[in-house]
Protein backbone atom coordinates (compact mmCIF):
# COMPACT_ATOMS: atom_id res chain seq x y z
CA MET A 1 92.84 115.19 188.15
CA ALA A 2 94.27 113.21 185.23
CA ASN A 3 94.24 109.99 187.26
CA ARG A 4 90.59 110.55 188.19
CA ILE A 5 89.71 110.82 184.50
CA THR A 6 91.84 107.92 183.21
CA ARG A 7 90.53 105.46 185.78
CA HIS A 8 87.04 105.86 184.26
CA ILE A 9 88.16 105.26 180.66
CA PRO A 10 87.99 101.41 180.75
CA ASN A 11 84.51 101.46 182.32
CA SER A 12 83.34 104.00 179.74
CA ILE A 13 84.51 101.66 176.97
CA THR A 14 82.71 98.77 178.68
CA CYS A 15 79.52 100.86 178.67
CA CYS A 16 79.92 101.24 174.91
CA ASN A 17 80.02 97.43 174.72
CA LEU A 18 76.80 97.34 176.74
CA LEU A 19 75.11 99.85 174.42
CA CYS A 20 76.14 97.77 171.42
CA GLY A 21 74.64 94.75 173.15
CA CYS A 22 71.34 96.56 173.65
CA MET A 23 71.26 97.48 169.96
CA ALA A 24 72.09 93.86 169.05
CA VAL A 25 69.16 92.64 171.16
CA LEU A 26 66.80 95.08 169.43
CA ALA A 27 68.02 93.90 166.03
CA ALA A 28 67.61 90.27 167.12
CA PHE A 29 63.99 90.87 168.19
CA ASN A 30 63.41 92.11 164.63
CA SER A 31 65.01 88.92 163.25
CA ASP A 32 67.66 91.15 161.68
CA ALA A 33 70.66 88.81 161.68
CA TRP A 34 72.90 91.20 159.74
CA HIS A 35 72.59 94.15 162.12
CA THR A 36 72.74 91.84 165.13
CA LEU A 37 76.10 90.66 163.80
CA LEU A 38 77.32 94.23 163.25
CA TRP A 39 76.45 95.27 166.81
CA VAL A 40 77.97 92.12 168.30
CA VAL A 41 81.20 92.71 166.35
CA ALA A 42 81.24 96.32 167.55
CA GLY A 43 80.70 95.09 171.10
CA SER A 44 83.59 92.64 170.65
CA LEU A 45 85.89 95.50 169.67
CA PHE A 46 84.89 97.51 172.74
CA ASP A 47 85.29 94.40 174.89
CA PHE A 48 88.84 94.00 173.61
CA CYS A 49 89.62 97.69 174.05
CA ASP A 50 88.37 97.95 177.64
CA GLY A 51 90.74 95.18 178.73
CA LEU A 52 93.58 96.77 176.80
CA ALA A 53 92.86 100.17 178.33
CA SER A 54 92.77 98.66 181.82
CA ARG A 55 96.21 97.12 181.33
CA LEU A 56 97.78 100.19 179.73
CA LEU A 57 96.34 102.64 182.25
CA LYS A 58 96.56 100.20 185.17
CA ALA A 59 92.98 101.17 185.95
CA TYR A 60 91.64 97.99 187.49
CA SER A 61 88.61 97.99 189.77
CA PRO A 62 86.09 95.49 191.20
CA ILE A 63 83.29 97.54 189.61
CA GLY A 64 84.99 97.29 186.22
CA LYS A 65 85.17 93.50 186.46
CA GLU A 66 81.48 93.18 187.31
CA LEU A 67 80.42 95.74 184.70
CA ASP A 68 82.41 93.89 182.06
CA SER A 69 80.56 90.64 182.81
CA LEU A 70 77.17 92.34 182.77
CA ALA A 71 77.92 93.94 179.40
CA ASP A 72 79.20 90.64 178.00
CA LEU A 73 76.06 88.84 179.13
CA ILE A 74 73.88 91.24 177.12
CA THR A 75 76.07 91.45 174.02
CA PHE A 76 77.32 87.88 173.80
CA GLY A 77 74.64 85.97 175.71
CA LEU A 78 71.24 87.61 175.34
CA ALA A 79 71.60 88.92 171.77
CA PRO A 80 72.46 85.56 170.13
CA ALA A 81 69.88 83.79 172.31
CA ILE A 82 67.10 86.14 171.13
CA LEU A 83 68.26 85.81 167.52
CA CYS A 84 68.12 82.04 167.88
CA LEU A 85 64.64 82.19 169.44
CA MET A 86 63.24 84.51 166.76
CA THR A 87 64.73 82.37 163.97
CA LEU A 88 63.23 79.18 165.39
CA ARG A 89 59.80 80.85 165.49
CA LYS A 90 59.79 81.00 161.68
CA PHE A 91 59.52 77.25 161.24
CA CYS A 92 56.55 74.89 161.25
CA TYR A 93 56.43 72.13 163.85
CA PRO A 94 54.37 68.90 164.12
CA THR A 95 52.28 70.12 167.07
CA ASP A 96 51.08 73.40 168.55
CA THR A 97 52.96 72.59 171.75
CA LEU A 98 56.25 72.41 169.87
CA THR A 99 55.35 75.56 167.95
CA ASN A 100 54.82 77.48 171.19
CA LEU A 101 57.65 76.03 173.27
CA TYR A 102 60.47 74.71 171.09
CA PRO A 103 61.87 78.10 169.98
CA PHE A 104 62.65 78.91 173.61
CA ILE A 105 65.44 76.34 173.50
CA GLY A 106 67.50 79.25 172.19
CA LEU A 107 67.41 80.83 175.63
CA VAL A 108 69.75 78.15 177.00
CA LEU A 109 72.47 80.26 175.38
CA VAL A 110 71.95 83.22 177.70
CA VAL A 111 71.54 81.01 180.78
CA PHE A 112 74.78 79.16 180.13
CA ALA A 113 76.56 82.36 179.12
CA ALA A 114 75.71 83.70 182.59
CA LEU A 115 77.05 80.50 184.17
CA ARG A 116 80.17 80.74 182.02
CA LEU A 117 80.86 84.34 183.07
CA ALA A 118 80.29 83.56 186.76
CA LYS A 119 82.62 80.58 186.47
CA PHE A 120 85.27 82.66 184.71
CA ASN A 121 85.15 85.41 187.35
CA THR A 122 85.80 82.94 190.15
CA ASP A 123 88.45 80.83 188.41
CA ASP A 124 92.07 82.02 188.65
CA ARG A 125 93.23 79.34 186.18
CA GLN A 126 91.97 81.32 183.17
CA THR A 127 94.37 84.25 183.09
CA THR A 128 96.30 83.28 179.92
CA SER A 129 93.95 80.69 178.40
CA PHE A 130 90.35 79.54 178.78
CA LEU A 131 88.52 76.54 180.16
CA GLY A 132 85.43 76.24 178.00
CA LEU A 133 84.24 78.43 175.14
CA ALA A 134 84.39 82.18 175.78
CA VAL A 135 81.07 83.99 175.38
CA PRO A 136 82.25 86.33 172.56
CA ALA A 137 83.21 83.28 170.49
CA ASN A 138 79.77 81.77 171.17
CA ALA A 139 78.05 84.96 170.00
CA LEU A 140 80.12 85.24 166.83
CA PHE A 141 79.32 81.63 165.96
CA TRP A 142 75.56 82.20 166.18
CA CYS A 143 75.57 85.55 164.43
CA GLY A 144 77.68 84.06 161.64
CA LEU A 145 75.49 80.96 161.40
CA PHE A 146 72.38 83.00 160.65
CA GLN A 147 74.12 84.74 157.73
CA THR A 148 74.27 81.40 155.90
CA GLY A 149 71.62 79.47 154.01
CA LEU A 150 71.06 77.12 156.95
CA THR A 151 67.42 78.19 157.24
CA ASP A 152 66.71 76.60 153.83
CA ILE A 153 67.43 73.09 155.14
CA PRO A 154 64.26 71.21 156.27
CA ALA A 155 65.93 69.88 159.43
CA THR A 156 67.15 73.35 160.41
CA PRO A 157 65.20 73.78 163.69
CA TRP A 158 66.48 70.45 165.00
CA ILE A 159 70.04 71.30 163.93
CA ILE A 160 69.80 74.66 165.67
CA GLY A 161 68.41 73.04 168.82
CA ALA A 162 71.23 70.49 168.89
CA LEU A 163 73.82 73.22 168.35
CA ALA A 164 72.28 75.33 171.14
CA ILE A 165 72.67 72.45 173.59
CA LEU A 166 76.19 71.72 172.32
CA PHE A 167 77.38 75.31 172.65
CA ALA A 168 75.72 75.73 176.04
CA GLY A 169 77.74 72.73 177.18
CA LEU A 170 80.95 74.05 175.61
CA MET A 171 80.66 77.34 177.49
CA VAL A 172 80.63 75.67 180.90
CA SER A 173 82.96 72.80 180.02
CA SER A 174 86.51 72.43 181.27
CA ILE A 175 87.96 71.97 177.78
CA PRO A 176 91.23 73.98 177.51
CA MET A 177 91.02 76.65 174.81
CA PHE A 178 93.74 79.11 173.84
CA SER A 179 93.28 82.86 174.07
CA LEU A 180 94.35 85.48 171.54
CA LYS A 181 96.37 87.49 174.05
CA PHE A 182 99.83 88.12 172.59
CA LYS A 183 102.69 88.74 175.03
CA SER A 184 105.16 88.97 172.14
CA LEU A 185 105.15 88.61 168.35
CA ARG A 186 107.60 85.71 168.26
CA TRP A 187 106.43 82.72 166.21
CA ALA A 188 107.70 80.25 168.80
CA ASP A 189 105.62 81.87 171.55
CA ASN A 190 102.44 82.19 169.48
CA LYS A 191 102.52 79.40 166.91
CA VAL A 192 98.96 78.23 167.60
CA ARG A 193 97.60 81.78 167.54
CA PHE A 194 99.30 82.61 164.23
CA ILE A 195 98.08 79.39 162.61
CA PHE A 196 94.56 80.15 163.80
CA LEU A 197 94.65 83.73 162.49
CA ILE A 198 96.11 82.77 159.09
CA VAL A 199 93.52 80.05 158.43
CA SER A 200 90.73 82.28 159.79
CA ALA A 201 91.76 85.11 157.45
CA VAL A 202 91.54 82.75 154.47
CA ILE A 203 88.08 81.54 155.57
CA LEU A 204 86.78 85.10 155.99
CA ILE A 205 88.24 86.26 152.67
CA LEU A 206 86.51 83.39 150.89
CA LEU A 207 83.21 83.37 152.78
CA ARG A 208 83.10 86.83 154.39
CA GLU A 209 80.57 87.09 157.24
CA LYS A 210 79.18 83.65 156.37
CA GLY A 211 82.51 82.18 157.42
CA LEU A 212 82.34 83.39 161.04
CA SER A 213 80.74 80.20 162.32
CA ALA A 214 83.39 78.19 160.46
CA VAL A 215 86.11 80.29 162.11
CA ILE A 216 84.71 79.52 165.57
CA GLY A 217 84.43 75.85 164.62
CA TRP A 218 88.09 75.96 163.54
CA TYR A 219 88.99 77.62 166.86
CA ILE A 220 87.29 74.83 168.82
CA ILE A 221 88.95 72.10 166.73
CA LEU A 222 92.40 73.69 167.05
CA SER A 223 91.92 74.07 170.81
CA LEU A 224 91.04 70.39 171.08
CA LEU A 225 94.05 69.38 168.98
CA THR A 226 96.47 71.52 170.95
CA LYS A 227 94.71 71.10 174.32
CA GLY A 228 94.55 74.88 174.68
CA GLN A 229 98.32 75.29 174.50
CA HIS A 230 99.81 78.55 173.26
């Protein structure tokens, strides 16, 4: 009886991630960047916990793997894409055509997040590190970006569009990027992770939620410098 219950725990946690993603999407449709961020962060915590629960309880299942990807697509793909779209709709453009169509460039984020997740699920090289930017990191970048004063810059819509294309490419790229999975707490085994976390903590202390996009930028730079090594 106990085994029947415990095997459902990871999937139940994944469903909590999915619910957080749905709430993030609703907040994004209301152009509420702050609450979108809160729900995405909550989803990130559930996403971490469902993997941890699976390993601790040894409750792996094909359904769990698919459910995890579906939840991640909503929380870390659709929510930031909608937030990007709704933000771009606030700006004035030279023509009516651009006004009507340009904001939809934000939707490349959800399309490429789906491609990223499908690629990850079929690639056995990404067990201890990543090839390309993970979708939670992509979501945190965008949710953090819209906490800043970026929208006050005249060239903002073009900057956002360029970043959308850049991050879409990063998600499906083969650039090696380190993961935050610790197998031990030894400095020698986790030097890159500890350096990342220390610098990230300083950034977040100084900038709070506005520093999230900088943290993801730092993660990408450090991954490039270390070639995704641990």
